[in-house]
Amino acid sequence: MARIKAHELRQKSSADLLKQLDELKAELLSLRVAKVTGAQASKLSKIKVVRKSIARVLTVINQQKRDDARKAFKGKKYLPLDLRSKKTRAIRRMLTKHERSLKTERQKKRMMHFPMRRFAVRAQSGESVAAKATASIHAKMLRLKKK
């Protein structure tokens, strides 16, 4: 049997895949029997090809099952663990955006009774103040040089 390509397997139905899997397993069994009885080298080298083909068929079957499960659980509240995104443990345990924005009763009362104060003049950031100060110093030095 020639090497099987995965893209060809994906076009087949699950029944066809199971049938092909049985055929490949039967072929592998006959090749192993031939190995024990002392067969030619060409048959022995075919064992590896058949094993890899079996693996490809099983991979495609599992992918199809996962896709079907994803479709079945789409829109549901909970997903099976193997269908959830892996990410990292820390990211999975991180609070959601909604949970982060929630406030306790005490925080709500405090915000209501003591709201953030509003000022008419806005404070400048430290960098802009420093930049303006150095610019004014340079201007003064230029004026002194002109005199």
Protein backbone atom coordinates (compact mmCIF):
# COMPACT_ATOMS: atom_id res chain seq x y z
CA MET A 1 0.00 0.00 0.00
CA ALA A 2 1.33 3.45 -0.92
CA ARG A 3 1.88 6.24 1.55
CA ILE A 4 -1.43 7.85 2.57
CA LYS A 5 -1.76 11.62 2.54
CA ALA A 6 -3.65 13.35 5.37
CA HIS A 7 -5.49 15.79 3.09
CA GLU A 8 -6.95 12.83 1.18
CA LEU A 9 -8.08 11.22 4.44
CA ARG A 10 -9.86 14.40 5.59
CA GLN A 11 -12.22 14.16 2.62
CA LYS A 12 -13.39 10.67 3.61
CA SER A 13 -16.25 9.86 5.97
CA SER A 14 -15.65 8.33 9.39
CA ALA A 15 -16.97 4.94 8.22
CA ASP A 16 -14.46 4.90 5.32
CA LEU A 17 -11.67 5.87 7.70
CA LEU A 18 -12.52 3.04 10.11
CA LYS A 19 -12.63 0.59 7.20
CA GLN A 20 -9.22 1.79 5.98
CA LEU A 21 -7.86 1.51 9.51
CA ASP A 22 -8.94 -2.15 9.70
CA GLU A 23 -7.30 -2.83 6.34
CA LEU A 24 -4.05 -1.21 7.43
CA LYS A 25 -4.02 -3.14 10.71
CA ALA A 26 -4.60 -6.41 8.84
CA GLU A 27 -1.75 -5.55 6.46
CA LEU A 28 0.53 -4.75 9.39
CA LEU A 29 -0.33 -8.09 10.96
CA SER A 30 0.54 -9.97 7.75
CA LEU A 31 3.82 -8.03 7.45
CA ARG A 32 4.77 -8.94 11.03
CA VAL A 33 4.03 -12.59 10.32
CA ALA A 34 6.21 -12.34 7.21
CA LYS A 35 8.98 -10.80 9.33
CA VAL A 36 8.95 -13.76 11.71
CA THR A 37 8.97 -16.28 8.85
CA GLY A 38 11.97 -14.48 7.28
CA ALA A 39 10.63 -12.43 4.40
CA GLN A 40 12.35 -10.17 1.87
CA ALA A 41 13.77 -6.78 2.85
CA SER A 42 11.12 -4.94 0.81
CA LYS A 43 8.35 -6.30 3.04
CA LEU A 44 10.28 -5.46 6.19
CA SER A 45 10.76 -1.84 5.12
CA LYS A 46 7.02 -1.61 4.42
CA ILE A 47 6.20 -2.13 8.12
CA LYS A 48 7.28 1.43 8.95
CA VAL A 49 5.16 2.92 6.13
CA VAL A 50 2.05 1.00 7.28
CA ARG A 51 2.57 2.03 10.92
CA LYS A 52 2.82 5.70 9.93
CA SER A 53 -0.29 5.35 7.74
CA ILE A 54 -2.23 3.89 10.71
CA ALA A 55 -1.09 6.86 12.80
CA ARG A 56 -2.28 9.29 10.11
CA VAL A 57 -5.71 7.64 9.90
CA LEU A 58 -6.09 7.70 13.69
CA THR A 59 -5.02 11.36 13.79
CA VAL A 60 -7.64 12.35 11.21
CA ILE A 61 -10.33 10.34 13.07
CA ASN A 62 -9.46 12.13 16.33
CA GLN A 63 -9.45 15.53 14.61
CA GLN A 64 -12.91 14.85 13.18
CA LYS A 65 -14.20 13.80 16.61
CA ARG A 66 -12.81 16.98 18.19
CA ASP A 67 -14.38 19.13 15.46
CA ASP A 68 -17.75 17.43 16.00
CA ALA A 69 -17.44 17.96 19.76
CA ARG A 70 -16.58 21.65 19.24
CA LYS A 71 -19.70 22.06 17.10
CA ALA A 72 -21.82 20.25 19.71
CA PHE A 73 -20.57 22.43 22.60
CA LYS A 74 -20.58 25.72 20.69
CA GLY A 75 -22.64 28.32 22.57
CA LYS A 76 -22.87 26.19 25.73
CA LYS A 77 -21.85 27.57 29.11
CA TYR A 78 -19.14 24.97 29.78
CA LEU A 79 -16.61 23.28 27.50
CA PRO A 80 -14.88 19.96 28.18
CA LEU A 81 -11.35 20.49 29.49
CA ASP A 82 -9.63 19.14 26.37
CA LEU A 83 -11.54 21.60 24.14
CA ARG A 84 -10.66 24.67 26.21
CA SER A 85 -7.75 26.86 25.21
CA LYS A 86 -4.57 25.90 27.06
CA LYS A 87 -2.86 29.28 27.64
CA THR A 88 -0.99 29.30 30.97
CA ARG A 89 -2.18 28.45 34.45
CA ALA A 90 -1.85 32.08 35.58
CA ILE A 91 -3.85 33.40 32.62
CA ARG A 92 -6.59 30.80 33.16
CA ARG A 93 -6.96 31.88 36.79
CA MET A 94 -6.87 35.61 36.05
CA LEU A 95 -10.04 37.61 36.72
CA THR A 96 -12.24 38.39 33.74
CA LYS A 97 -12.81 42.00 32.66
CA HIS A 98 -16.26 41.95 34.25
CA GLU A 99 -14.97 40.52 37.54
CA ARG A 100 -12.22 43.17 37.66
CA SER A 101 -14.71 46.00 37.22
CA LEU A 102 -17.06 44.85 40.03
CA LYS A 103 -17.07 46.93 43.22
CA THR A 104 -18.03 45.94 46.77
CA GLU A 105 -20.90 47.67 48.56
CA ARG A 106 -18.41 49.55 50.71
CA GLN A 107 -16.52 50.80 47.63
CA LYS A 108 -19.78 51.91 45.99
CA LYS A 109 -20.84 53.90 49.08
CA ARG A 110 -17.40 55.47 49.38
CA MET A 111 -17.37 56.53 45.71
CA MET A 112 -20.87 57.97 46.05
CA HIS A 113 -20.20 59.96 49.24
CA PHE A 114 -16.63 61.03 48.43
CA PRO A 115 -16.38 61.42 44.67
CA MET A 116 -13.11 62.29 42.93
CA ARG A 117 -12.44 66.02 43.25
CA ARG A 118 -12.38 68.18 40.12
CA PHE A 119 -9.93 71.04 39.84
CA ALA A 120 -9.99 74.02 37.47
CA VAL A 121 -6.23 73.93 36.80
CA ARG A 122 -4.74 70.66 35.77
CA ALA A 123 -1.35 69.60 37.17
CA GLN A 124 1.46 69.21 34.65
CA SER A 125 3.48 66.05 34.39
CA GLY A 126 7.04 66.13 35.72
CA GLU A 127 8.70 65.79 32.30
CA SER A 128 6.89 68.75 30.74
CA VAL A 129 7.69 70.96 33.75
CA ALA A 130 11.38 70.05 33.52
CA ALA A 131 11.41 70.66 29.75
CA LYS A 132 9.85 74.12 30.20
CA ALA A 133 12.35 74.98 32.96
CA THR A 134 15.36 74.07 30.81
CA ALA A 135 13.91 76.00 27.87
CA SER A 136 13.48 79.12 30.02
CA ILE A 137 17.05 78.80 31.33
CA HIS A 138 18.38 78.59 27.77
CA ALA A 139 16.36 81.67 26.80
CA LYS A 140 17.79 83.64 29.75
CA MET A 141 21.35 82.63 28.84
CA LEU A 142 20.82 83.75 25.24
CA ARG A 143 19.55 87.13 26.44
CA LEU A 144 22.60 87.54 28.70
CA LYS A 145 24.96 86.74 25.83
CA LYS A 146 23.34 89.38 23.61
CA LYS A 147 23.98 92.12 26.23
